[in-house]
Amino acid sequence: MVKLLKHENEQNIGDLKKGDRILLVDGVSVSFDGFKALNNLSFSINYGELRCIIGANGAGKSTMMDVVTGKTKPDEGHVTFGEAVDLLAMDEPSIAHIGVGRKFQKPTVFANNSVFENLELAMKDDKRFFKTLFSKLNGEQKDKIEETMKLIGLQELAKQDAGILSHGQKQWLEIGMLIMQEPKLLLVDEPVAGMTPQEVENTAEILTNLAKDNAVVVVEHDMEFIRSIAKKVTVLHEGSVLAEGSMDAIQNNEKVRKVYLGE
């Protein structure tokens, strides 16, 4: 399959409005040495939505994110971004460039650079690292960094080295670094693991605010946290969707109770 040119792809995204479908995963299957990590997986995400995806270890959550971001190519199925972008025809950097961002569990920040500099280095631009070091930021770029620091609650720590931030603050900084790349869809993997209760609360607020102008998919084990942010929850089991709906509907779903609670 020929990789579509970036500019062609960006036209194929369409003019996304809140409520429009931004991601369609359709009939996707992935096998590793005979083990079906994804088994005819189908679901969709809308722009301006915060979706939580839950499931036991081995349910297919990480593989699903690997497929959407281009890390893993499925055996069959389709993944469409926006109106008509075929993500399976693209490589990882092109998918990131077109607006799919992923935050892994473990934060990776530039420890010896300040919060401000980390966000500057992450900025979506054709700058190379050295050009960043020697070029001055324009007003618009500075505003974008300030705005992002405000969103992630690190304004007062702008000059602080990232290496001495708390675990929670590093997670927020990495979310900020993703925002600087202007993604339309953010995939966030277990954002509150290891956080204090106050940090968990702040993270819920950050992700809820982010979902106003993006689509945010949160993969998480912490059910209390999910209850605090989720409007719609998708439950994965053995590589496909077991159930989907509000948190209350999920908790009262017979299939879910049987699989996860052994009832």
C-alpha atoms as a PDB file:
ATOM      1  CA  MET A   1       0.000   0.000   0.000  1.00  0.00           C
ATOM      2  CA  VAL A   2       1.348   3.434  -0.888  1.00  0.00           C
ATOM      3  CA  LYS A   3       1.765   5.831   2.005  1.00  0.00           C
ATOM      4  CA  LEU A   4      -0.414   8.859   1.377  1.00  0.00           C
ATOM      5  CA  LEU A   5       1.317  12.202   1.266  1.00  0.00           C
ATOM      6  CA  LYS A   6       0.899  14.240   4.427  1.00  0.00           C
ATOM      7  CA  HIS A   7      -0.842  17.189   2.781  1.00  0.00           C
ATOM      8  CA  GLU A   8      -3.264  14.885   0.981  1.00  0.00           C
ATOM      9  CA  ASN A   9      -3.993  13.203   4.283  1.00  0.00           C
ATOM     10  CA  GLU A  10      -4.628  16.443   6.070  1.00  0.00           C
ATOM     11  CA  GLN A  11      -7.285  17.279   3.485  1.00  0.00           C
ATOM     12  CA  ASN A  12      -8.845  13.858   4.051  1.00  0.00           C
ATOM     13  CA  ILE A  13      -9.327  14.523   7.772  1.00  0.00           C
ATOM     14  CA  GLY A  14     -12.212  16.824   6.903  1.00  0.00           C
ATOM     15  CA  ASP A  15     -13.454  19.819   8.839  1.00  0.00           C
ATOM     16  CA  LEU A  16     -13.969  18.221  12.246  1.00  0.00           C
ATOM     17  CA  LYS A  17     -16.724  19.541  14.460  1.00  0.00           C
ATOM     18  CA  LYS A  18     -17.708  18.440  17.941  1.00  0.00           C
ATOM     19  CA  GLY A  19     -19.610  15.194  17.724  1.00  0.00           C
ATOM     20  CA  ASP A  20     -18.121  14.189  14.336  1.00  0.00           C
ATOM     21  CA  ARG A  21     -16.451  10.795  14.219  1.00  0.00           C
ATOM     22  CA  ILE A  22     -12.675  11.179  14.502  1.00  0.00           C
ATOM     23  CA  LEU A  23     -11.641   7.520  14.755  1.00  0.00           C
ATOM     24  CA  LEU A  24     -13.174   4.345  13.382  1.00  0.00           C
ATOM     25  CA  VAL A  25     -11.630   0.980  14.235  1.00  0.00           C
ATOM     26  CA  ASP A  26     -13.434  -1.575  12.092  1.00  0.00           C
ATOM     27  CA  GLY A  27     -13.018  -5.367  12.265  1.00  0.00           C
ATOM     28  CA  VAL A  28      -9.390  -5.234  13.397  1.00  0.00           C
ATOM     29  CA  SER A  29      -7.612  -8.482  14.281  1.00  0.00           C
ATOM     30  CA  VAL A  30      -4.007  -8.966  15.413  1.00  0.00           C
ATOM     31  CA  SER A  31      -2.303 -12.275  16.218  1.00  0.00           C
ATOM     32  CA  PHE A  32       1.039 -12.843  17.934  1.00  0.00           C
ATOM     33  CA  ASP A  33       2.302 -16.442  17.598  1.00  0.00           C
ATOM     34  CA  GLY A  34      -1.219 -17.814  17.385  1.00  0.00           C
ATOM     35  CA  PHE A  35      -2.528 -15.649  20.270  1.00  0.00           C
ATOM     36  CA  LYS A  36      -5.300 -13.315  19.113  1.00  0.00           C
ATOM     37  CA  ALA A  37      -4.510 -10.008  20.830  1.00  0.00           C
ATOM     38  CA  LEU A  38      -7.350  -8.305  18.922  1.00  0.00           C
ATOM     39  CA  ASN A  39     -10.289 -10.269  17.579  1.00  0.00           C
ATOM     40  CA  ASN A  40     -12.536  -8.413  15.126  1.00  0.00           C
ATOM     41  CA  LEU A  41     -12.348  -5.240  17.252  1.00  0.00           C
ATOM     42  CA  SER A  42     -14.740  -2.457  16.232  1.00  0.00           C
ATOM     43  CA  PHE A  43     -15.513   0.879  17.921  1.00  0.00           C
ATOM     44  CA  SER A  44     -15.538   4.596  17.124  1.00  0.00           C
ATOM     45  CA  ILE A  45     -14.610   7.834  18.925  1.00  0.00           C
ATOM     46  CA  ASN A  46     -16.091  11.285  18.328  1.00  0.00           C
ATOM     47  CA  TYR A  47     -14.325  14.638  18.287  1.00  0.00           C
ATOM     48  CA  GLY A  48     -14.780  16.452  21.611  1.00  0.00           C
ATOM     49  CA  GLU A  49     -15.292  13.177  23.493  1.00  0.00           C
ATOM     50  CA  LEU A  50     -13.510  11.737  26.527  1.00  0.00           C
ATOM     51  CA  ARG A  51     -13.737   7.937  26.249  1.00  0.00           C
ATOM     52  CA  CYS A  52     -12.454   5.482  28.844  1.00  0.00           C
ATOM     53  CA  ILE A  53     -11.322   2.031  27.783  1.00  0.00           C
ATOM     54  CA  ILE A  54     -11.061  -0.662  30.424  1.00  0.00           C
ATOM     55  CA  GLY A  55     -10.286  -4.365  30.474  1.00  0.00           C
ATOM     56  CA  ALA A  56      -8.159  -6.951  32.244  1.00  0.00           C
ATOM     57  CA  ASN A  57      -4.511  -7.490  31.337  1.00  0.00           C
ATOM     58  CA  GLY A  58      -4.391  -9.153  27.922  1.00  0.00           C
ATOM     59  CA  ALA A  59      -7.784  -7.732  26.871  1.00  0.00           C
ATOM     60  CA  GLY A  60      -6.131  -5.878  23.970  1.00  0.00           C
ATOM     61  CA  LYS A  61      -5.896  -2.298  25.262  1.00  0.00           C
ATOM     62  CA  SER A  62      -2.203  -1.732  24.497  1.00  0.00           C
ATOM     63  CA  THR A  63      -2.372  -3.563  21.154  1.00  0.00           C
ATOM     64  CA  MET A  64      -5.323  -1.363  20.165  1.00  0.00           C
ATOM     65  CA  MET A  65      -3.209   1.758  20.861  1.00  0.00           C
ATOM     66  CA  ASP A  66      -0.268   0.222  18.980  1.00  0.00           C
ATOM     67  CA  VAL A  67      -2.486  -0.289  15.915  1.00  0.00           C
ATOM     68  CA  VAL A  68      -3.966   3.232  15.982  1.00  0.00           C
ATOM     69  CA  THR A  69      -0.509   4.853  16.302  1.00  0.00           C
ATOM     70  CA  GLY A  70       1.068   2.692  13.577  1.00  0.00           C
ATOM     71  CA  LYS A  71       3.378   0.662  15.823  1.00  0.00           C
ATOM     72  CA  THR A  72       1.602  -2.613  14.963  1.00  0.00           C
ATOM     73  CA  LYS A  73       0.001  -3.507  11.638  1.00  0.00           C
ATOM     74  CA  PRO A  74      -3.120  -5.675  11.990  1.00  0.00           C
ATOM     75  CA  ASP A  75      -3.795  -8.908  10.103  1.00  0.00           C
ATOM     76  CA  GLU A  76      -7.146  -7.554   8.965  1.00  0.00           C
ATOM     77  CA  GLY A  77      -9.531  -4.642   9.415  1.00  0.00           C
ATOM     78  CA  HIS A  78      -9.567  -0.894   8.809  1.00  0.00           C
ATOM     79  CA  VAL A  79      -8.617   2.146  10.903  1.00  0.00           C
ATOM     80  CA  THR A  80      -9.931   5.498   9.641  1.00  0.00           C
ATOM     81  CA  PHE A  81      -9.012   8.885  11.096  1.00  0.00           C
ATOM     82  CA  GLY A  82     -11.339  11.820  10.424  1.00  0.00           C
ATOM     83  CA  GLU A  83     -13.410  11.486   7.277  1.00  0.00           C
ATOM     84  CA  ALA A  84     -11.147   9.361   5.127  1.00  0.00           C
ATOM     85  CA  VAL A  85      -7.547   9.003   6.352  1.00  0.00           C
ATOM     86  CA  ASP A  86      -6.394   5.383   6.188  1.00  0.00           C
ATOM     87  CA  LEU A  87      -4.056   5.101   9.187  1.00  0.00           C
ATOM     88  CA  LEU A  88      -2.943   1.603   8.179  1.00  0.00           C
ATOM     89  CA  ALA A  89      -1.300   3.070   5.067  1.00  0.00           C
ATOM     90  CA  MET A  90       0.907   5.342   7.186  1.00  0.00           C
ATOM     91  CA  ASP A  91       3.978   4.976   9.394  1.00  0.00           C
ATOM     92  CA  GLU A  92       4.269   6.120  13.035  1.00  0.00           C
ATOM     93  CA  PRO A  93       5.799   9.596  12.412  1.00  0.00           C
ATOM     94  CA  SER A  94       3.180  10.425   9.746  1.00  0.00           C
ATOM     95  CA  ILE A  95       0.349   9.359  12.071  1.00  0.00           C
ATOM     96  CA  ALA A  96       1.772  11.531  14.864  1.00  0.00           C
ATOM     97  CA  HIS A  97       2.141  14.445  12.429  1.00  0.00           C
ATOM     98  CA  ILE A  98      -1.451  14.215  11.269  1.00  0.00           C
ATOM     99  CA  GLY A  99      -2.754  14.564  14.814  1.00  0.00           C
ATOM    100  CA  VAL A 100      -2.693  11.306  16.801  1.00  0.00           C
ATOM    101  CA  GLY A 101      -0.763  11.671  20.065  1.00  0.00           C
ATOM    102  CA  ARG A 102       0.046   8.930  22.567  1.00  0.00           C
ATOM    103  CA  LYS A 103       1.149   9.218  26.157  1.00  0.00           C
ATOM    104  CA  PHE A 104       2.739   6.119  27.635  1.00  0.00           C
ATOM    105  CA  GLN A 105       2.497   5.080  31.296  1.00  0.00           C
ATOM    106  CA  LYS A 106       6.013   6.142  32.243  1.00  0.00           C
ATOM    107  CA  PRO A 107       6.674   9.836  31.719  1.00  0.00           C
ATOM    108  CA  THR A 108       9.692  10.719  29.580  1.00  0.00           C
ATOM    109  CA  VAL A 109      10.726  14.345  29.950  1.00  0.00           C
ATOM    110  CA  PHE A 110      14.039  16.164  29.417  1.00  0.00           C
ATOM    111  CA  ALA A 111      15.184  16.074  33.061  1.00  0.00           C
ATOM    112  CA  ASN A 112      17.872  18.784  32.752  1.00  0.00           C
ATOM    113  CA  ASN A 113      15.622  21.268  30.957  1.00  0.00           C
ATOM    114  CA  SER A 114      13.026  23.516  32.540  1.00  0.00           C
ATOM    115  CA  VAL A 115       9.278  22.983  32.236  1.00  0.00           C
ATOM    116  CA  PHE A 116       9.157  25.854  29.718  1.00  0.00           C
ATOM    117  CA  GLU A 117      12.027  24.399  27.657  1.00  0.00           C
ATOM    118  CA  ASN A 118      10.443  20.926  27.610  1.00  0.00           C
ATOM    119  CA  LEU A 119       7.291  22.408  26.104  1.00  0.00           C
ATOM    120  CA  GLU A 120       9.346  24.447  23.627  1.00  0.00           C
ATOM    121  CA  LEU A 121      11.289  21.363  22.486  1.00  0.00           C
ATOM    122  CA  ALA A 122       8.020  19.473  21.966  1.00  0.00           C
ATOM    123  CA  MET A 123       6.446  22.197  19.829  1.00  0.00           C
ATOM    124  CA  LYS A 124       5.010  21.109  16.489  1.00  0.00           C
ATOM    125  CA  ASP A 125       7.254  22.849  14.051  1.00  0.00           C
ATOM    126  CA  ASP A 126       9.831  22.050  11.419  1.00  0.00           C
ATOM    127  CA  LYS A 127      12.515  23.033  13.888  1.00  0.00           C
ATOM    128  CA  ARG A 128      15.326  20.672  14.594  1.00  0.00           C
ATOM    129  CA  PHE A 129      16.771  20.401  18.083  1.00  0.00           C
ATOM    130  CA  PHE A 130      19.700  22.764  17.429  1.00  0.00           C
ATOM    131  CA  LYS A 131      17.551  25.282  15.645  1.00  0.00           C
ATOM    132  CA  THR A 132      15.355  25.311  18.766  1.00  0.00           C
ATOM    133  CA  LEU A 133      18.374  26.075  20.917  1.00  0.00           C
ATOM    134  CA  PHE A 134      19.459  29.030  18.816  1.00  0.00           C
ATOM    135  CA  SER A 135      16.205  30.533  17.629  1.00  0.00           C
ATOM    136  CA  LYS A 136      13.997  32.988  19.459  1.00  0.00           C
ATOM    137  CA  LEU A 137      10.360  32.182  20.071  1.00  0.00           C
ATOM    138  CA  ASN A 138       7.772  34.479  18.552  1.00  0.00           C
ATOM    139  CA  GLY A 139       4.856  35.887  20.569  1.00  0.00           C
ATOM    140  CA  GLU A 140       2.374  33.305  19.349  1.00  0.00           C
ATOM    141  CA  GLN A 141       4.672  30.424  20.319  1.00  0.00           C
ATOM    142  CA  LYS A 142       5.269  31.912  23.774  1.00  0.00           C
ATOM    143  CA  ASP A 143       1.506  32.322  24.257  1.00  0.00           C
ATOM    144  CA  LYS A 144       0.962  28.686  23.279  1.00  0.00           C
ATOM    145  CA  ILE A 145       3.507  27.547  25.892  1.00  0.00           C
ATOM    146  CA  GLU A 146       1.980  29.821  28.573  1.00  0.00           C
ATOM    147  CA  GLU A 147      -1.501  28.564  27.732  1.00  0.00           C
ATOM    148  CA  THR A 148      -0.347  24.932  27.952  1.00  0.00           C
ATOM    149  CA  MET A 149       1.422  25.503  31.297  1.00  0.00           C
ATOM    150  CA  LYS A 150      -1.821  26.977  32.615  1.00  0.00           C
ATOM    151  CA  LEU A 151      -3.844  23.984  31.400  1.00  0.00           C
ATOM    152  CA  ILE A 152      -1.485  21.474  33.061  1.00  0.00           C
ATOM    153  CA  GLY A 153      -1.128  23.573  36.223  1.00  0.00           C
ATOM    154  CA  LEU A 154       2.642  24.134  36.003  1.00  0.00           C
ATOM    155  CA  GLN A 155       2.758  27.902  35.374  1.00  0.00           C
ATOM    156  CA  GLU A 156       4.523  28.635  38.646  1.00  0.00           C
ATOM    157  CA  LEU A 157       7.154  25.981  37.907  1.00  0.00           C
ATOM    158  CA  ALA A 158       8.067  27.284  34.417  1.00  0.00           C
ATOM    159  CA  LYS A 159      11.773  27.706  35.269  1.00  0.00           C
ATOM    160  CA  GLN A 160      12.029  24.504  37.337  1.00  0.00           C
ATOM    161  CA  ASP A 161      14.073  21.611  35.954  1.00  0.00           C
ATOM    162  CA  ALA A 162      11.778  18.772  34.932  1.00  0.00           C
ATOM    163  CA  GLY A 163      13.976  16.221  36.752  1.00  0.00           C
ATOM    164  CA  ILE A 164      12.922  17.487  40.190  1.00  0.00           C
ATOM    165  CA  LEU A 165       9.166  17.530  39.529  1.00  0.00           C
ATOM    166  CA  SER A 166       6.938  15.056  41.390  1.00  0.00           C
ATOM    167  CA  HIS A 167       5.704  11.957  39.540  1.00  0.00           C
ATOM    168  CA  GLY A 168       2.305  13.591  38.942  1.00  0.00           C
ATOM    169  CA  GLN A 169       3.844  16.835  37.693  1.00  0.00           C
ATOM    170  CA  LYS A 170       6.020  14.897  35.227  1.00  0.00           C
ATOM    171  CA  GLN A 171       2.883  13.186  33.913  1.00  0.00           C
ATOM    172  CA  TRP A 172       1.216  16.585  33.418  1.00  0.00           C
ATOM    173  CA  LEU A 173       4.316  17.964  31.719  1.00  0.00           C
ATOM    174  CA  GLU A 174       4.303  15.053  29.294  1.00  0.00           C
ATOM    175  CA  ILE A 175       0.610  15.663  28.571  1.00  0.00           C
ATOM    176  CA  GLY A 176       1.624  19.296  27.935  1.00  0.00           C
ATOM    177  CA  MET A 177       4.364  18.157  25.545  1.00  0.00           C
ATOM    178  CA  LEU A 178       1.756  16.194  23.615  1.00  0.00           C
ATOM    179  CA  ILE A 179      -0.529  19.242  23.482  1.00  0.00           C
ATOM    180  CA  MET A 180       2.319  21.279  21.963  1.00  0.00           C
ATOM    181  CA  GLN A 181       2.195  18.918  18.970  1.00  0.00           C
ATOM    182  CA  GLU A 182      -1.440  19.926  18.411  1.00  0.00           C
ATOM    183  CA  PRO A 183      -3.002  16.471  18.314  1.00  0.00           C
ATOM    184  CA  LYS A 184      -6.660  16.023  17.469  1.00  0.00           C
ATOM    185  CA  LEU A 185      -6.812  12.634  19.188  1.00  0.00           C
ATOM    186  CA  LEU A 186      -4.911  11.818  22.388  1.00  0.00           C
ATOM    187  CA  LEU A 187      -4.409   8.273  23.632  1.00  0.00           C
ATOM    188  CA  VAL A 188      -3.452   8.316  27.317  1.00  0.00           C
ATOM    189  CA  ASP A 189      -2.225   5.136  28.997  1.00  0.00           C
ATOM    190  CA  GLU A 190      -2.861   4.785  32.764  1.00  0.00           C
ATOM    191  CA  PRO A 191      -2.313   8.458  33.582  1.00  0.00           C
ATOM    192  CA  VAL A 192      -2.960   8.213  37.343  1.00  0.00           C
ATOM    193  CA  ALA A 193      -0.863   5.161  38.283  1.00  0.00           C
ATOM    194  CA  GLY A 194       1.285   6.069  41.307  1.00  0.00           C
ATOM    195  CA  MET A 195      -0.331   9.474  41.892  1.00  0.00           C
ATOM    196  CA  THR A 196      -1.472  11.026  45.161  1.00  0.00           C
ATOM    197  CA  PRO A 197      -5.265  11.580  45.561  1.00  0.00           C
ATOM    198  CA  GLN A 198      -4.822  15.333  44.904  1.00  0.00           C
ATOM    199  CA  GLU A 199      -2.793  14.639  41.756  1.00  0.00           C
ATOM    200  CA  VAL A 200      -5.488  12.210  40.572  1.00  0.00           C
ATOM    201  CA  GLU A 201      -8.096  14.956  41.007  1.00  0.00           C
ATOM    202  CA  ASN A 202      -5.968  17.460  39.073  1.00  0.00           C
ATOM    203  CA  THR A 203      -5.406  14.930  36.282  1.00  0.00           C
ATOM    204  CA  ALA A 204      -9.158  14.387  35.962  1.00  0.00           C
ATOM    205  CA  GLU A 205      -9.579  18.131  35.507  1.00  0.00           C
ATOM    206  CA  ILE A 206      -6.760  18.374  32.914  1.00  0.00           C
ATOM    207  CA  LEU A 207      -8.150  15.519  30.793  1.00  0.00           C
ATOM    208  CA  THR A 208     -11.727  16.822  31.020  1.00  0.00           C
ATOM    209  CA  ASN A 209     -10.581  20.264  29.829  1.00  0.00           C
ATOM    210  CA  LEU A 210      -8.518  18.706  27.043  1.00  0.00           C
ATOM    211  CA  ALA A 211     -11.531  16.805  25.714  1.00  0.00           C
ATOM    212  CA  LYS A 212     -13.326  20.100  24.998  1.00  0.00           C
ATOM    213  CA  ASP A 213     -11.074  20.743  21.982  1.00  0.00           C
ATOM    214  CA  ASN A 214      -9.780  17.258  21.186  1.00  0.00           C
ATOM    215  CA  ALA A 215     -10.812  13.643  21.427  1.00  0.00           C
ATOM    216  CA  VAL A 216      -9.251  11.941  24.451  1.00  0.00           C
ATOM    217  CA  VAL A 217      -9.069   8.179  24.990  1.00  0.00           C
ATOM    218  CA  VAL A 218      -8.006   7.102  28.488  1.00  0.00           C
ATOM    219  CA  VAL A 219      -6.926   3.520  29.168  1.00  0.00           C
ATOM    220  CA  GLU A 220      -6.997   2.989  32.921  1.00  0.00           C
ATOM    221  CA  HIS A 221      -7.373   0.376  35.689  1.00  0.00           C
ATOM    222  CA  ASP A 222      -8.378   2.807  38.432  1.00  0.00           C
ATOM    223  CA  MET A 223     -12.168   2.491  38.502  1.00  0.00           C
ATOM    224  CA  GLU A 224     -12.679   5.409  40.905  1.00  0.00           C
ATOM    225  CA  PHE A 225     -10.811   7.673  38.518  1.00  0.00           C
ATOM    226  CA  ILE A 226     -12.820   6.415  35.552  1.00  0.00           C
ATOM    227  CA  ARG A 227     -16.049   7.028  37.429  1.00  0.00           C
ATOM    228  CA  SER A 228     -14.932  10.639  38.028  1.00  0.00           C
ATOM    229  CA  ILE A 229     -14.284  11.437  34.340  1.00  0.00           C
ATOM    230  CA  ALA A 230     -16.142   8.972  32.129  1.00  0.00           C
ATOM    231  CA  LYS A 231     -19.267   9.706  30.159  1.00  0.00           C
ATOM    232  CA  LYS A 232     -18.840   6.648  27.972  1.00  0.00           C
ATOM    233  CA  VAL A 233     -16.847   3.510  28.768  1.00  0.00           C
ATOM    234  CA  THR A 234     -15.760   0.728  26.393  1.00  0.00           C
ATOM    235  CA  VAL A 235     -14.948  -2.645  27.972  1.00  0.00           C
ATOM    236  CA  LEU A 236     -12.523  -4.895  26.105  1.00  0.00           C
ATOM    237  CA  HIS A 237     -12.339  -8.638  26.670  1.00  0.00           C
ATOM    238  CA  GLU A 238     -10.184 -11.105  24.713  1.00  0.00           C
ATOM    239  CA  GLY A 239      -9.513  -8.577  21.973  1.00  0.00           C
ATOM    240  CA  SER A 240     -13.032  -7.357  21.240  1.00  0.00           C
ATOM    241  CA  VAL A 241     -15.685  -5.063  22.723  1.00  0.00           C
ATOM    242  CA  LEU A 242     -17.617  -6.775  25.504  1.00  0.00           C
ATOM    243  CA  ALA A 243     -19.802  -3.782  26.390  1.00  0.00           C
ATOM    244  CA  GLU A 244     -20.084  -0.028  25.897  1.00  0.00           C
ATOM    245  CA  GLY A 245     -22.081   2.655  27.683  1.00  0.00           C
ATOM    246  CA  SER A 246     -22.219   4.851  30.788  1.00  0.00           C
ATOM    247  CA  MET A 247     -20.319   3.776  33.908  1.00  0.00           C
ATOM    248  CA  ASP A 248     -23.592   2.795  35.625  1.00  0.00           C
ATOM    249  CA  ALA A 249     -24.701   0.735  32.631  1.00  0.00           C
ATOM    250  CA  ILE A 250     -21.305  -1.004  32.534  1.00  0.00           C
ATOM    251  CA  GLN A 251     -21.373  -1.833  36.247  1.00  0.00           C
ATOM    252  CA  ASN A 252     -24.848  -3.318  35.890  1.00  0.00           C
ATOM    253  CA  ASN A 253     -24.077  -5.195  32.669  1.00  0.00           C
ATOM    254  CA  GLU A 254     -24.506  -8.945  33.134  1.00  0.00           C
ATOM    255  CA  LYS A 255     -21.739  -9.921  30.696  1.00  0.00           C
ATOM    256  CA  VAL A 256     -19.274  -7.554  32.377  1.00  0.00           C
ATOM    257  CA  ARG A 257     -20.203  -8.798  35.850  1.00  0.00           C
ATOM    258  CA  LYS A 258     -19.767 -12.387  34.742  1.00  0.00           C
ATOM    259  CA  VAL A 259     -16.345 -11.813  33.154  1.00  0.00           C
ATOM    260  CA  TYR A 260     -14.884  -9.397  35.703  1.00  0.00           C
ATOM    261  CA  LEU A 261     -16.691 -10.185  38.913  1.00  0.00           C
ATOM    262  CA  GLY A 262     -17.196 -13.913  38.341  1.00  0.00           C
ATOM    263  CA  GLU A 263     -20.943 -13.651  38.993  1.00  0.00           C
END
